[in-house]
PDB file of N, CA and C in Angstrom:
ATOM      1  N   MET A   1       0.811  -1.206  -0.051  1.00  0.00           N
ATOM      2  CA  MET A   1       0.043  -0.008   0.006  1.00  0.00           C
ATOM      3  C   MET A   1       0.918   1.253  -0.019  1.00  0.00           C
ATOM      4  N   ILE A   2       1.979   1.231   0.715  1.00  0.00           N
ATOM      5  CA  ILE A   2       2.818   2.396   0.815  1.00  0.00           C
ATOM      6  C   ILE A   2       3.497   2.657  -0.546  1.00  0.00           C
ATOM      7  N   TYR A   3       3.740   1.569  -1.257  1.00  0.00           N
ATOM      8  CA  TYR A   3       4.321   1.762  -2.603  1.00  0.00           C
ATOM      9  C   TYR A   3       3.461   2.510  -3.611  1.00  0.00           C
ATOM     10  N   CYS A   4       2.167   2.544  -3.343  1.00  0.00           N
ATOM     11  CA  CYS A   4       1.260   3.321  -4.207  1.00  0.00           C
ATOM     12  C   CYS A   4       1.277   4.747  -3.787  1.00  0.00           C
ATOM     13  N   ALA A   5       1.579   5.057  -2.526  1.00  0.00           N
ATOM     14  CA  ALA A   5       1.524   6.416  -2.037  1.00  0.00           C
ATOM     15  C   ALA A   5       2.796   7.171  -2.398  1.00  0.00           C
ATOM     16  N   ILE A   6       3.895   6.527  -2.512  1.00  0.00           N
ATOM     17  CA  ILE A   6       5.177   7.199  -2.811  1.00  0.00           C
ATOM     18  C   ILE A   6       5.156   7.996  -4.097  1.00  0.00           C
ATOM     19  N   PRO A   7       4.724   7.353  -5.268  1.00  0.00           N
ATOM     20  CA  PRO A   7       4.734   8.137  -6.508  1.00  0.00           C
ATOM     21  C   PRO A   7       3.655   9.258  -6.456  1.00  0.00           C
ATOM     22  N   LEU A   8       2.581   9.040  -5.767  1.00  0.00           N
ATOM     23  CA  LEU A   8       1.575  10.139  -5.668  1.00  0.00           C
ATOM     24  C   LEU A   8       2.090  11.299  -4.847  1.00  0.00           C
ATOM     25  N   ILE A   9       2.822  11.052  -3.764  1.00  0.00           N
ATOM     26  CA  ILE A   9       3.390  12.152  -3.009  1.00  0.00           C
ATOM     27  C   ILE A   9       4.417  12.852  -3.778  1.00  0.00           C
ATOM     28  N   ILE A  10       5.259  12.225  -4.549  1.00  0.00           N
ATOM     29  CA  ILE A  10       6.280  12.844  -5.405  1.00  0.00           C
ATOM     30  C   ILE A  10       5.639  13.740  -6.422  1.00  0.00           C
ATOM     31  N   VAL A  11       4.692  13.148  -7.165  1.00  0.00           N
ATOM     32  CA  VAL A  11       4.057  13.928  -8.271  1.00  0.00           C
ATOM     33  C   VAL A  11       3.262  15.139  -7.661  1.00  0.00           C
ATOM     34  N   PHE A  12       2.505  14.926  -6.627  1.00  0.00           N
ATOM     35  CA  PHE A  12       1.751  15.974  -6.016  1.00  0.00           C
ATOM     36  C   PHE A  12       2.608  17.061  -5.472  1.00  0.00           C
ATOM     37  N   SER A  13       3.729  16.743  -4.885  1.00  0.00           N
ATOM     38  CA  SER A  13       4.690  17.765  -4.327  1.00  0.00           C
ATOM     39  C   SER A  13       5.243  18.602  -5.414  1.00  0.00           C
ATOM     40  N   ILE A  14       5.714  17.982  -6.501  1.00  0.00           N
ATOM     41  CA  ILE A  14       6.311  18.616  -7.601  1.00  0.00           C
ATOM     42  C   ILE A  14       5.303  19.606  -8.353  1.00  0.00           C
ATOM     43  N   CYS A  15       4.116  19.070  -8.542  1.00  0.00           N
ATOM     44  CA  CYS A  15       3.045  19.875  -9.103  1.00  0.00           C
ATOM     45  C   CYS A  15       2.617  21.072  -8.237  1.00  0.00           C
ATOM     46  N   TYR A  16       2.559  20.856  -7.025  1.00  0.00           N
ATOM     47  CA  TYR A  16       2.161  21.955  -6.117  1.00  0.00           C
ATOM     48  C   TYR A  16       3.295  23.021  -6.046  1.00  0.00           C
ATOM     49  N   ALA A  17       4.505  22.546  -5.982  1.00  0.00           N
ATOM     50  CA  ALA A  17       5.597  23.439  -5.975  1.00  0.00           C
ATOM     51  C   ALA A  17       5.783  24.260  -7.235  1.00  0.00           C
ATOM     52  N   ALA A  18       5.438  23.546  -8.314  1.00  0.00           N
ATOM     53  CA  ALA A  18       5.550  24.254  -9.680  1.00  0.00           C
ATOM     54  C   ALA A  18       4.524  25.416  -9.856  1.00  0.00           C
ATOM     55  N   THR A  19       3.455  25.289  -9.114  1.00  0.00           N
ATOM     56  CA  THR A  19       2.457  26.374  -9.160  1.00  0.00           C
ATOM     57  C   THR A  19       2.855  27.568  -8.355  1.00  0.00           C
ATOM     58  N   ARG A  20       3.856  27.373  -7.478  1.00  0.00           N
ATOM     59  CA  ARG A  20       4.343  28.466  -6.616  1.00  0.00           C
ATOM     60  C   ARG A  20       5.578  29.144  -7.126  1.00  0.00           C
ATOM     61  N   HIS A  21       6.421  28.455  -7.787  1.00  0.00           N
ATOM     62  CA  HIS A  21       7.663  28.945  -8.197  1.00  0.00           C
ATOM     63  C   HIS A  21       7.945  28.729  -9.746  1.00  0.00           C
ATOM     64  N   GLU A  22       8.869  29.513 -10.256  1.00  0.00           N
ATOM     65  CA  GLU A  22       9.240  29.352 -11.684  1.00  0.00           C
ATOM     66  C   GLU A  22      10.653  28.825 -11.830  1.00  0.00           C
ATOM     67  N   ASP A  23      11.501  29.049 -10.875  1.00  0.00           N
ATOM     68  CA  ASP A  23      12.835  28.528 -10.959  1.00  0.00           C
ATOM     69  C   ASP A  23      12.885  27.053 -10.609  1.00  0.00           C
ATOM     70  N   LEU A  24      13.583  26.350 -11.459  1.00  0.00           N
ATOM     71  CA  LEU A  24      13.565  24.811 -11.284  1.00  0.00           C
ATOM     72  C   LEU A  24      14.184  24.433  -9.951  1.00  0.00           C
ATOM     73  N   ARG A  25      15.250  25.140  -9.478  1.00  0.00           N
ATOM     74  CA  ARG A  25      15.876  24.811  -8.221  1.00  0.00           C
ATOM     75  C   ARG A  25      14.913  24.997  -7.066  1.00  0.00           C
ATOM     76  N   LYS A  26      14.184  26.152  -7.069  1.00  0.00           N
ATOM     77  CA  LYS A  26      13.289  26.401  -6.027  1.00  0.00           C
ATOM     78  C   LYS A  26      12.067  25.464  -6.068  1.00  0.00           C
ATOM     79  N   ILE A  27      11.675  24.997  -7.207  1.00  0.00           N
ATOM     80  CA  ILE A  27      10.600  24.011  -7.352  1.00  0.00           C
ATOM     81  C   ILE A  27      10.977  22.762  -6.624  1.00  0.00           C
ATOM     82  N   PHE A  28      12.213  22.274  -6.886  1.00  0.00           N
ATOM     83  CA  PHE A  28      12.589  21.008  -6.281  1.00  0.00           C
ATOM     84  C   PHE A  28      12.861  21.174  -4.733  1.00  0.00           C
ATOM     85  N   ILE A  29      13.318  22.289  -4.300  1.00  0.00           N
ATOM     86  CA  ILE A  29      13.594  22.505  -2.913  1.00  0.00           C
ATOM     87  C   ILE A  29      12.152  22.543  -2.183  1.00  0.00           C
ATOM     88  N   HIS A  30      11.219  23.277  -2.729  1.00  0.00           N
ATOM     89  CA  HIS A  30       9.932  23.367  -2.227  1.00  0.00           C
ATOM     90  C   HIS A  30       9.210  22.003  -2.184  1.00  0.00           C
ATOM     91  N   ALA A  31       9.383  21.263  -3.289  1.00  0.00           N
ATOM     92  CA  ALA A  31       8.766  19.937  -3.477  1.00  0.00           C
ATOM     93  C   ALA A  31       9.326  19.013  -2.407  1.00  0.00           C
ATOM     94  N   ALA A  32      10.561  19.045  -2.170  1.00  0.00           N
ATOM     95  CA  ALA A  32      11.233  18.160  -1.087  1.00  0.00           C
ATOM     96  C   ALA A  32      10.627  18.458   0.310  1.00  0.00           C
ATOM     97  N   LYS A  33      10.568  19.715   0.597  1.00  0.00           N
ATOM     98  CA  LYS A  33      10.055  20.162   1.964  1.00  0.00           C
ATOM     99  C   LYS A  33       8.603  19.813   2.082  1.00  0.00           C
ATOM    100  N   PHE A  34       7.790  20.033   1.066  1.00  0.00           N
ATOM    101  CA  PHE A  34       6.328  19.693   1.005  1.00  0.00           C
ATOM    102  C   PHE A  34       6.147  18.186   1.094  1.00  0.00           C
ATOM    103  N   GLY A  35       7.003  17.458   0.385  1.00  0.00           N
ATOM    104  CA  GLY A  35       6.887  15.971   0.345  1.00  0.00           C
ATOM    105  C   GLY A  35       7.140  15.396   1.730  1.00  0.00           C
ATOM    106  N   TRP A  36       8.178  15.862   2.458  1.00  0.00           N
ATOM    107  CA  TRP A  36       8.449  15.446   3.790  1.00  0.00           C
ATOM    108  C   TRP A  36       7.262  15.737   4.706  1.00  0.00           C
ATOM    109  N   TRP A  37       6.742  16.943   4.545  1.00  0.00           N
ATOM    110  CA  TRP A  37       5.585  17.345   5.393  1.00  0.00           C
ATOM    111  C   TRP A  37       4.388  16.450   5.138  1.00  0.00           C
ATOM    112  N   LEU A  38       4.096  16.213   3.828  1.00  0.00           N
ATOM    113  CA  LEU A  38       2.962  15.433   3.441  1.00  0.00           C
ATOM    114  C   LEU A  38       3.124  13.996   3.914  1.00  0.00           C
ATOM    115  N   THR A  39       4.347  13.443   3.811  1.00  0.00           N
ATOM    116  CA  THR A  39       4.596  12.074   4.267  1.00  0.00           C
ATOM    117  C   THR A  39       4.416  11.993   5.785  1.00  0.00           C
ATOM    118  N   PHE A  40       4.872  12.947   6.524  1.00  0.00           N
ATOM    119  CA  PHE A  40       4.659  13.025   8.000  1.00  0.00           C
ATOM    120  C   PHE A  40       3.156  13.058   8.352  1.00  0.00           C
ATOM    121  N   PHE A  41       2.528  13.903   7.651  1.00  0.00           N
ATOM    122  CA  PHE A  41       1.069  14.088   7.912  1.00  0.00           C
ATOM    123  C   PHE A  41       0.266  12.834   7.535  1.00  0.00           C
ATOM    124  N   LEU A  42       0.541  12.209   6.445  1.00  0.00           N
ATOM    125  CA  LEU A  42      -0.154  10.896   6.060  1.00  0.00           C
ATOM    126  C   LEU A  42       0.244   9.831   7.130  1.00  0.00           C
ATOM    127  N   ALA A  43       1.415   9.704   7.526  1.00  0.00           N
ATOM    128  CA  ALA A  43       1.876   8.758   8.516  1.00  0.00           C
ATOM    129  C   ALA A  43       1.140   8.933   9.827  1.00  0.00           C
ATOM    130  N   LEU A  44       1.033  10.205  10.212  1.00  0.00           N
ATOM    131  CA  LEU A  44       0.298  10.592  11.463  1.00  0.00           C
ATOM    132  C   LEU A  44      -1.109  10.171  11.393  1.00  0.00           C
ATOM    133  N   ILE A  45      -1.757  10.410  10.314  1.00  0.00           N
ATOM    134  CA  ILE A  45      -3.210  10.050  10.200  1.00  0.00           C
ATOM    135  C   ILE A  45      -3.329   8.492  10.096  1.00  0.00           C
ATOM    136  N   ALA A  46      -2.463   7.802   9.467  1.00  0.00           N
ATOM    137  CA  ALA A  46      -2.466   6.310   9.430  1.00  0.00           C
ATOM    138  C   ALA A  46      -2.267   5.747  10.757  1.00  0.00           C
ATOM    139  N   PHE A  47      -1.361   6.375  11.598  1.00  0.00           N
ATOM    140  CA  PHE A  47      -1.173   5.946  12.949  1.00  0.00           C
ATOM    141  C   PHE A  47      -2.377   6.150  13.796  1.00  0.00           C
ATOM    142  N   ILE A  48      -2.995   7.347  13.724  1.00  0.00           N
ATOM    143  CA  ILE A  48      -4.232   7.636  14.570  1.00  0.00           C
ATOM    144  C   ILE A  48      -5.352   6.608  14.083  1.00  0.00           C
ATOM    145  N   LEU A  49      -5.505   6.437  12.799  1.00  0.00           N
ATOM    146  CA  LEU A  49      -6.639   5.507  12.368  1.00  0.00           C
ATOM    147  C   LEU A  49      -6.295   4.095  12.821  1.00  0.00           C
ATOM    148  N   GLY A  50      -4.960   3.769  12.772  1.00  0.00           N
ATOM    149  CA  GLY A  50      -4.658   2.362  13.233  1.00  0.00           C
ATOM    150  C   GLY A  50      -4.884   2.205  14.815  1.00  0.00           C
ATOM    151  N   MET A  51      -4.690   3.230  15.537  1.00  0.00           N
ATOM    152  CA  MET A  51      -4.912   3.135  16.958  1.00  0.00           C
ATOM    153  C   MET A  51      -6.449   3.096  17.283  1.00  0.00           C
ATOM    154  N   ILE A  52      -7.271   3.734  16.446  1.00  0.00           N
ATOM    155  CA  ILE A  52      -8.693   3.754  16.669  1.00  0.00           C
ATOM    156  C   ILE A  52      -9.302   2.384  16.305  1.00  0.00           C
ATOM    157  N   VAL A  53      -8.884   1.800  15.183  1.00  0.00           N
ATOM    158  CA  VAL A  53      -9.386   0.562  14.686  1.00  0.00           C
ATOM    159  C   VAL A  53      -8.756  -0.600  15.313  1.00  0.00           C
TER     160      VAL A  53
END
């Protein structure tokens, strides 16, 4: 299941960063930061749901 989420997180992070910046270096820096944040957030939600169920 996690293998399906990894490409989605990468693509979503790059697309979101590309809407905010024009410089390619800034896009990848922002995408990396947003990707880590998104991964942490999704893991936190999965942990909370795992504890509930």
